[in-house]
Amino acid sequence: LHADDHEHVDKYPQIRFVRSDLHRVAKVLKPYCSDSA
């Protein structure tokens, strides 16, 4: 879900909102998951 991928933005208009929400989920959870990469 690249931020700079215009093809995705054109194909999936909701991707900007979804990507923003997914970033928020990752930002909250990643600090608790350092050993799982």
All heavy atoms as atom14 arrays in JSON, in Angstrom:
{
  "sequence": "LHADDHEHVDKYPQIRFVRSDLHRVAKVLKPYCSDSA",
  "atom14_mask": [
    [1, 1, 1, 1, 1, 1, 1, 1, 0, 0, 0, 0, 0, 0],
    [1, 1, 1, 1, 1, 1, 1, 1, 1, 1, 0, 0, 0, 0],
    [1, 1, 1, 1, 1, 0, 0, 0, 0, 0, 0, 0, 0, 0],
    [1, 1, 1, 1, 1, 1, 1, 1, 0, 0, 0, 0, 0, 0],
    [1, 1, 1, 1, 1, 1, 1, 1, 0, 0, 0, 0, 0, 0],
    [1, 1, 1, 1, 1, 1, 1, 1, 1, 1, 0, 0, 0, 0],
    [1, 1, 1, 1, 1, 1, 1, 1, 1, 0, 0, 0, 0, 0],
    [1, 1, 1, 1, 1, 1, 1, 1, 1, 1, 0, 0, 0, 0],
    [1, 1, 1, 1, 1, 1, 1, 0, 0, 0, 0, 0, 0, 0],
    [1, 1, 1, 1, 1, 1, 1, 1, 0, 0, 0, 0, 0, 0],
    [1, 1, 1, 1, 1, 1, 1, 1, 1, 0, 0, 0, 0, 0],
    [1, 1, 1, 1, 1, 1, 1, 1, 1, 1, 1, 1, 0, 0],
    [1, 1, 1, 1, 1, 1, 1, 0, 0, 0, 0, 0, 0, 0],
    [1, 1, 1, 1, 1, 1, 1, 1, 1, 0, 0, 0, 0, 0],
    [1, 1, 1, 1, 1, 1, 1, 1, 0, 0, 0, 0, 0, 0],
    [1, 1, 1, 1, 1, 1, 1, 1, 1, 1, 1, 0, 0, 0],
    [1, 1, 1, 1, 1, 1, 1, 1, 1, 1, 1, 0, 0, 0],
    [1, 1, 1, 1, 1, 1, 1, 0, 0, 0, 0, 0, 0, 0],
    [1, 1, 1, 1, 1, 1, 1, 1, 1, 1, 1, 0, 0, 0],
    [1, 1, 1, 1, 1, 1, 0, 0, 0, 0, 0, 0, 0, 0],
    [1, 1, 1, 1, 1, 1, 1, 1, 0, 0, 0, 0, 0, 0],
    [1, 1, 1, 1, 1, 1, 1, 1, 0, 0, 0, 0, 0, 0],
    [1, 1, 1, 1, 1, 1, 1, 1, 1, 1, 0, 0, 0, 0],
    [1, 1, 1, 1, 1, 1, 1, 1, 1, 1, 1, 0, 0, 0],
    [1, 1, 1, 1, 1, 1, 1, 0, 0, 0, 0, 0, 0, 0],
    [1, 1, 1, 1, 1, 0, 0, 0, 0, 0, 0, 0, 0, 0],
    [1, 1, 1, 1, 1, 1, 1, 1, 1, 0, 0, 0, 0, 0],
    [1, 1, 1, 1, 1, 1, 1, 0, 0, 0, 0, 0, 0, 0],
    [1, 1, 1, 1, 1, 1, 1, 1, 0, 0, 0, 0, 0, 0],
    [1, 1, 1, 1, 1, 1, 1, 1, 1, 0, 0, 0, 0, 0],
    [1, 1, 1, 1, 1, 1, 1, 0, 0, 0, 0, 0, 0, 0],
    [1, 1, 1, 1, 1, 1, 1, 1, 1, 1, 1, 1, 0, 0],
    [1, 1, 1, 1, 1, 1, 0, 0, 0, 0, 0, 0, 0, 0],
    [1, 1, 1, 1, 1, 1, 0, 0, 0, 0, 0, 0, 0, 0],
    [1, 1, 1, 1, 1, 1, 1, 1, 0, 0, 0, 0, 0, 0],
    [1, 1, 1, 1, 1, 1, 0, 0, 0, 0, 0, 0, 0, 0],
    [1, 1, 1, 1, 1, 0, 0, 0, 0, 0, 0, 0, 0, 0]
  ],
  "atom14_positions": [
    [[0.84, -1.21, 0.0], [0.0, 0.0, 0.0], [0.87, 1.25, 0.0], [0.85, 2.04, 0.92], [-0.92, -0.01, 1.23], [-1.81, -1.22, 1.41], [-2.59, -1.13, 2.72], [-2.76, -1.37, 0.24], [0.0, 0.0, 0.0], [0.0, 0.0, 0.0], [0.0, 0.0, 0.0], [0.0, 0.0, 0.0], [0.0, 0.0, 0.0], [0.0, 0.0, 0.0]],
    [[1.64, 1.43, -1.05], [2.56, 2.56, -1.15], [1.83, 3.89, -1.16], [0.81, 4.04, -1.82], [3.41, 2.48, -2.42], [4.28, 1.28, -2.48], [5.29, 1.06, -1.6], [4.27, 0.22, -3.32], [5.89, -0.08, -1.89], [5.28, -0.62, -2.93], [0.0, 0.0, 0.0], [0.0, 0.0, 0.0], [0.0, 0.0, 0.0], [0.0, 0.0, 0.0]],
    [[2.39, 4.85, -0.46], [1.8, 6.19, -0.42], [1.94, 6.91, -1.75], [1.12, 7.73, -2.11], [2.45, 7.01, 0.69], [0.0, 0.0, 0.0], [0.0, 0.0, 0.0], [0.0, 0.0, 0.0], [0.0, 0.0, 0.0], [0.0, 0.0, 0.0], [0.0, 0.0, 0.0], [0.0, 0.0, 0.0], [0.0, 0.0, 0.0], [0.0, 0.0, 0.0]],
    [[2.99, 6.58, -2.49], [3.25, 7.29, -3.74], [2.78, 6.53, -4.98], [3.08, 6.91, -6.09], [4.75, 7.6, -3.86], [5.6, 6.35, -3.83], [5.07, 5.26, -3.5], [6.81, 6.45, -4.12], [0.0, 0.0, 0.0], [0.0, 0.0, 0.0], [0.0, 0.0, 0.0], [0.0, 0.0, 0.0], [0.0, 0.0, 0.0], [0.0, 0.0, 0.0]],
    [[2.03, 5.48, -4.79], [1.58, 4.66, -5.91], [0.26, 5.21, -6.44], [-0.81, 4.91, -5.91], [1.42, 3.21, -5.46], [1.2, 2.27, -6.62], [0.9, 2.74, -7.73], [1.34, 1.06, -6.43], [0.0, 0.0, 0.0], [0.0, 0.0, 0.0], [0.0, 0.0, 0.0], [0.0, 0.0, 0.0], [0.0, 0.0, 0.0], [0.0, 0.0, 0.0]],
    [[0.33, 6.02, -7.49], [-0.86, 6.66, -8.04], [-1.81, 5.65, -8.68], [-3.02, 5.88, -8.72], [-0.47, 7.74, -9.06], [0.31, 8.85, -8.43], [-0.25, 9.71, -7.51], [1.61, 9.22, -8.55], [0.67, 10.57, -7.1], [1.8, 10.29, -7.72], [0.0, 0.0, 0.0], [0.0, 0.0, 0.0], [0.0, 0.0, 0.0], [0.0, 0.0, 0.0]],
    [[-1.27, 4.55, -9.17], [-2.11, 3.51, -9.76], [-3.08, 2.95, -8.72], [-4.27, 2.76, -9.0], [-1.25, 2.38, -10.32], [-2.05, 1.25, -10.93], [-1.17, 0.12, -11.41], [-0.06, 0.4, -11.93], [-1.6, -1.03, -11.27], [0.0, 0.0, 0.0], [0.0, 0.0, 0.0], [0.0, 0.0, 0.0], [0.0, 0.0, 0.0], [0.0, 0.0, 0.0]],
    [[-2.59, 2.72, -7.52], [-3.46, 2.23, -6.45], [-4.51, 3.25, -6.05], [-5.65, 2.9, -5.8], [-2.63, 1.86, -5.21], [-2.24, 0.42, -5.17], [-1.14, -0.02, -4.51], [-2.83, -0.69, -5.67], [-1.05, -1.32, -4.63], [-2.06, -1.75, -5.32], [0.0, 0.0, 0.0], [0.0, 0.0, 0.0], [0.0, 0.0, 0.0], [0.0, 0.0, 0.0]],
    [[-4.12, 4.51, -5.97], [-5.05, 5.56, -5.58], [-6.17, 5.68, -6.61], [-7.34, 5.84, -6.27], [-4.33, 6.91, -5.38], [-5.32, 8.03, -5.14], [-3.35, 6.81, -4.22], [0.0, 0.0, 0.0], [0.0, 0.0, 0.0], [0.0, 0.0, 0.0], [0.0, 0.0, 0.0], [0.0, 0.0, 0.0], [0.0, 0.0, 0.0], [0.0, 0.0, 0.0]],
    [[-5.83, 5.57, -7.89], [-6.84, 5.64, -8.95], [-7.75, 4.42, -8.94], [-8.96, 4.53, -9.14], [-6.17, 5.77, -10.32], [-5.46, 7.1, -10.49], [-5.77, 8.05, -9.73], [-4.58, 7.19, -11.37], [0.0, 0.0, 0.0], [0.0, 0.0, 0.0], [0.0, 0.0, 0.0], [0.0, 0.0, 0.0], [0.0, 0.0, 0.0], [0.0, 0.0, 0.0]],
    [[-7.15, 3.25, -8.69], [-7.9, 1.99, -8.73], [-8.77, 1.79, -7.49], [-9.87, 1.25, -7.57], [-6.92, 0.83, -8.87], [-7.56, -0.47, -9.23], [-6.51, -1.5, -9.59], [-7.14, -2.77, -10.06], [-6.16, -3.76, -10.46], [0.0, 0.0, 0.0], [0.0, 0.0, 0.0], [0.0, 0.0, 0.0], [0.0, 0.0, 0.0], [0.0, 0.0, 0.0]],
    [[-8.26, 2.19, -6.33], [-8.96, 2.02, -5.06], [-9.06, 3.38, -4.35], [-8.2, 3.73, -3.56], [-8.22, 1.05, -4.14], [-7.71, -0.19, -4.82], [-6.35, -0.38, -5.02], [-8.58, -1.18, -5.25], [-5.87, -1.51, -5.63], [-8.1, -2.32, -5.86], [-6.75, -2.48, -6.06], [-6.27, -3.6, -6.66], [0.0, 0.0, 0.0], [0.0, 0.0, 0.0]],
    [[-10.1, 4.16, -4.61], [-10.19, 5.5, -4.04], [-10.15, 5.53, -2.5], [-9.67, 6.49, -1.92], [-11.55, 6.02, -4.54], [-11.86, 5.18, -5.73], [-11.2, 3.86, -5.52], [0.0, 0.0, 0.0], [0.0, 0.0, 0.0], [0.0, 0.0, 0.0], [0.0, 0.0, 0.0], [0.0, 0.0, 0.0], [0.0, 0.0, 0.0], [0.0, 0.0, 0.0]],
    [[-10.62, 4.48, -1.84], [-10.63, 4.45, -0.37], [-9.26, 4.18, 0.22], [-9.07, 4.26, 1.43], [-11.59, 3.37, 0.15], [-13.03, 3.6, -0.14], [-13.38, 3.22, -1.58], [-12.59, 2.62, -2.3], [-14.56, 3.6, -2.02], [0.0, 0.0, 0.0], [0.0, 0.0, 0.0], [0.0, 0.0, 0.0], [0.0, 0.0, 0.0], [0.0, 0.0, 0.0]],
    [[-8.28, 3.86, -0.61], [-6.99, 3.42, -0.1], [-6.31, 4.48, 0.78], [-5.62, 4.14, 1.72], [-6.05, 2.97, -1.24], [-4.95, 2.07, -0.69], [-5.46, 4.14, -1.99], [-4.21, 1.29, -1.74], [0.0, 0.0, 0.0], [0.0, 0.0, 0.0], [0.0, 0.0, 0.0], [0.0, 0.0, 0.0], [0.0, 0.0, 0.0], [0.0, 0.0, 0.0]],
    [[-6.53, 5.75, 0.48], [-5.9, 6.8, 1.31], [-6.41, 6.74, 2.74], [-5.64, 6.85, 3.69], [-6.17, 8.18, 0.71], [-5.44, 8.4, -0.57], [-5.73, 9.75, -1.14], [-5.07, 9.86, -2.44], [-5.03, 10.94, -3.14], [-5.58, 12.04, -2.69], [-4.43, 10.96, -4.3], [0.0, 0.0, 0.0], [0.0, 0.0, 0.0], [0.0, 0.0, 0.0]],
    [[-7.7, 6.57, 2.91], [-8.29, 6.5, 4.25], [-7.87, 5.21, 4.94], [-7.51, 5.21, 6.12], [-9.81, 6.58, 4.18], [-10.3, 7.79, 3.44], [-10.99, 7.65, 2.24], [-10.07, 9.07, 3.93], [-11.44, 8.76, 1.55], [-10.53, 10.19, 3.25], [-11.2, 10.03, 2.05], [0.0, 0.0, 0.0], [0.0, 0.0, 0.0], [0.0, 0.0, 0.0]],
    [[-7.93, 4.12, 4.2], [-7.56, 2.81, 4.76], [-6.09, 2.83, 5.18], [-5.74, 2.4, 6.28], [-7.84, 1.68, 3.75], [-7.23, 0.37, 4.21], [-9.34, 1.54, 3.53], [0.0, 0.0, 0.0], [0.0, 0.0, 0.0], [0.0, 0.0, 0.0], [0.0, 0.0, 0.0], [0.0, 0.0, 0.0], [0.0, 0.0, 0.0], [0.0, 0.0, 0.0]],
    [[-5.24, 3.31, 4.3], [-3.8, 3.35, 4.59], [-3.53, 4.2, 5.84], [-2.75, 3.8, 6.71], [-3.03, 3.89, 3.39], [-1.54, 3.82, 3.54], [-0.78, 4.21, 2.29], [-1.33, 5.36, 1.63], [-1.63, 5.42, 0.33], [-1.41, 4.39, -0.44], [-2.13, 6.5, -0.2], [0.0, 0.0, 0.0], [0.0, 0.0, 0.0], [0.0, 0.0, 0.0]],
    [[-4.2, 5.32, 5.96], [-4.04, 6.17, 7.14], [-4.43, 5.43, 8.41], [-3.71, 5.46, 9.42], [-4.87, 7.44, 6.96], [-4.86, 8.2, 8.13], [0.0, 0.0, 0.0], [0.0, 0.0, 0.0], [0.0, 0.0, 0.0], [0.0, 0.0, 0.0], [0.0, 0.0, 0.0], [0.0, 0.0, 0.0], [0.0, 0.0, 0.0], [0.0, 0.0, 0.0]],
    [[-5.57, 4.75, 8.38], [-6.02, 3.99, 9.55], [-5.09, 2.82, 9.86], [-4.79, 2.53, 11.02], [-7.45, 3.5, 9.36], [-8.47, 4.62, 9.48], [-8.13, 5.69, 10.04], [-9.6, 4.43, 9.02], [0.0, 0.0, 0.0], [0.0, 0.0, 0.0], [0.0, 0.0, 0.0], [0.0, 0.0, 0.0], [0.0, 0.0, 0.0], [0.0, 0.0, 0.0]],
    [[-4.61, 2.15, 8.82], [-3.68, 1.03, 9.04], [-2.36, 1.52, 9.63], [-1.76, 0.84, 10.46], [-3.46, 0.26, 7.74], [-4.67, -0.5, 7.2], [-4.33, -1.17, 5.88], [-5.21, -1.49, 8.2], [0.0, 0.0, 0.0], [0.0, 0.0, 0.0], [0.0, 0.0, 0.0], [0.0, 0.0, 0.0], [0.0, 0.0, 0.0], [0.0, 0.0, 0.0]],
    [[-1.91, 2.69, 9.19], [-0.7, 3.28, 9.78], [-0.92, 3.55, 11.27], [-0.01, 3.33, 12.08], [-0.31, 4.59, 9.07], [0.58, 4.39, 7.89], [1.89, 3.98, 7.99], [0.34, 4.55, 6.56], [2.42, 3.9, 6.8], [1.51, 4.23, 5.91], [0.0, 0.0, 0.0], [0.0, 0.0, 0.0], [0.0, 0.0, 0.0], [0.0, 0.0, 0.0]],
    [[-2.08, 4.04, 11.62], [-2.38, 4.29, 13.03], [-2.37, 3.0, 13.84], [-1.85, 2.96, 14.97], [-3.73, 5.0, 13.17], [-3.66, 6.44, 12.68], [-4.99, 7.18, 12.67], [-5.87, 6.92, 13.78], [-7.2, 6.93, 13.69], [-7.78, 7.16, 12.53], [-7.94, 6.72, 14.75], [0.0, 0.0, 0.0], [0.0, 0.0, 0.0], [0.0, 0.0, 0.0]],
    [[-2.91, 1.93, 13.28], [-2.9, 0.63, 13.96], [-1.46, 0.17, 14.15], [-1.06, -0.23, 15.25], [-3.72, -0.43, 13.17], [-3.51, -1.82, 13.73], [-5.2, -0.06, 13.16], [0.0, 0.0, 0.0], [0.0, 0.0, 0.0], [0.0, 0.0, 0.0], [0.0, 0.0, 0.0], [0.0, 0.0, 0.0], [0.0, 0.0, 0.0], [0.0, 0.0, 0.0]],
    [[-0.67, 0.23, 13.09], [0.72, -0.21, 13.18], [1.52, 0.63, 14.18], [2.34, 0.1, 14.94], [1.38, -0.16, 11.8], [0.0, 0.0, 0.0], [0.0, 0.0, 0.0], [0.0, 0.0, 0.0], [0.0, 0.0, 0.0], [0.0, 0.0, 0.0], [0.0, 0.0, 0.0], [0.0, 0.0, 0.0], [0.0, 0.0, 0.0], [0.0, 0.0, 0.0]],
    [[1.28, 1.93, 14.18], [2.02, 2.82, 15.08], [1.76, 2.47, 16.55], [2.66, 2.53, 17.38], [1.61, 4.27, 14.81], [2.36, 5.28, 15.63], [1.93, 6.69, 15.28], [2.66, 7.7, 16.15], [2.23, 9.06, 15.86], [0.0, 0.0, 0.0], [0.0, 0.0, 0.0], [0.0, 0.0, 0.0], [0.0, 0.0, 0.0], [0.0, 0.0, 0.0]],
    [[0.52, 2.08, 16.86], [0.19, 1.71, 18.24], [0.77, 0.35, 18.6], [1.29, 0.16, 19.71], [-1.35, 1.71, 18.44], [-1.73, 1.08, 19.76], [-1.9, 3.13, 18.34], [0.0, 0.0, 0.0], [0.0, 0.0, 0.0], [0.0, 0.0, 0.0], [0.0, 0.0, 0.0], [0.0, 0.0, 0.0], [0.0, 0.0, 0.0], [0.0, 0.0, 0.0]],
    [[0.72, -0.61, 17.68], [1.08, -1.99, 18.01], [2.55, -2.35, 17.84], [3.07, -3.19, 18.59], [0.23, -2.96, 17.19], [-1.28, -2.92, 17.47], [-2.0, -3.82, 16.5], [-1.57, -3.29, 18.91], [0.0, 0.0, 0.0], [0.0, 0.0, 0.0], [0.0, 0.0, 0.0], [0.0, 0.0, 0.0], [0.0, 0.0, 0.0], [0.0, 0.0, 0.0]],
    [[3.23, -1.76, 16.88], [4.62, -2.15, 16.59], [5.57, -2.08, 17.79], [6.41, -2.96, 17.94], [5.18, -1.33, 15.43], [4.92, -1.99, 14.09], [5.53, -1.21, 12.96], [7.03, -1.23, 13.03], [7.66, -0.59, 11.89], [0.0, 0.0, 0.0], [0.0, 0.0, 0.0], [0.0, 0.0, 0.0], [0.0, 0.0, 0.0], [0.0, 0.0, 0.0]],
    [[5.47, -1.07, 18.66], [6.4, -1.04, 19.79], [6.31, -2.26, 20.71], [7.24, -2.55, 21.45], [5.99, 0.23, 20.55], [5.33, 1.09, 19.53], [4.66, 0.14, 18.59], [0.0, 0.0, 0.0], [0.0, 0.0, 0.0], [0.0, 0.0, 0.0], [0.0, 0.0, 0.0], [0.0, 0.0, 0.0], [0.0, 0.0, 0.0], [0.0, 0.0, 0.0]],
    [[5.21, -3.0, 20.64], [5.03, -4.16, 21.5], [5.41, -5.46, 20.8], [5.21, -6.54, 21.36], [3.56, -4.24, 21.95], [3.15, -3.0, 22.69], [2.54, -1.94, 22.03], [3.42, -2.86, 24.04], [2.19, -0.78, 22.7], [3.08, -1.71, 24.72], [2.47, -0.67, 24.05], [2.14, 0.47, 24.72], [0.0, 0.0, 0.0], [0.0, 0.0, 0.0]],
    [[5.96, -5.34, 19.58], [6.17, -6.53, 18.76], [7.59, -6.64, 18.21], [7.79, -7.15, 17.11], [5.18, -6.52, 17.6], [3.47, -6.55, 18.13], [0.0, 0.0, 0.0], [0.0, 0.0, 0.0], [0.0, 0.0, 0.0], [0.0, 0.0, 0.0], [0.0, 0.0, 0.0], [0.0, 0.0, 0.0], [0.0, 0.0, 0.0], [0.0, 0.0, 0.0]],
    [[8.57, -6.21, 18.93], [9.93, -6.18, 18.39], [10.49, -7.55, 18.05], [11.3, -7.68, 17.14], [10.86, -5.47, 19.37], [10.85, -6.16, 20.61], [0.0, 0.0, 0.0], [0.0, 0.0, 0.0], [0.0, 0.0, 0.0], [0.0, 0.0, 0.0], [0.0, 0.0, 0.0], [0.0, 0.0, 0.0], [0.0, 0.0, 0.0], [0.0, 0.0, 0.0]],
    [[10.05, -8.59, 18.72], [10.63, -9.92, 18.49], [9.93, -10.7, 17.39], [10.32, -11.82, 17.09], [10.57, -10.75, 19.79], [11.42, -10.14, 20.88], [12.36, -9.39, 20.56], [11.14, -10.43, 22.06], [0.0, 0.0, 0.0], [0.0, 0.0, 0.0], [0.0, 0.0, 0.0], [0.0, 0.0, 0.0], [0.0, 0.0, 0.0], [0.0, 0.0, 0.0]],
    [[8.9, -10.15, 16.77], [8.09, -10.9, 15.82], [8.42, -10.63, 14.36], [7.82, -11.24, 13.48], [6.61, -10.6, 16.05], [6.24, -10.96, 17.35], [0.0, 0.0, 0.0], [0.0, 0.0, 0.0], [0.0, 0.0, 0.0], [0.0, 0.0, 0.0], [0.0, 0.0, 0.0], [0.0, 0.0, 0.0], [0.0, 0.0, 0.0], [0.0, 0.0, 0.0]],
    [[9.35, -9.73, 14.09], [9.62, -9.33, 12.7], [10.05, -10.51, 11.82], [9.73, -10.54, 10.64], [10.68, -8.24, 12.66], [0.0, 0.0, 0.0], [0.0, 0.0, 0.0], [0.0, 0.0, 0.0], [0.0, 0.0, 0.0], [0.0, 0.0, 0.0], [0.0, 0.0, 0.0], [0.0, 0.0, 0.0], [0.0, 0.0, 0.0], [0.0, 0.0, 0.0]]
  ]
}
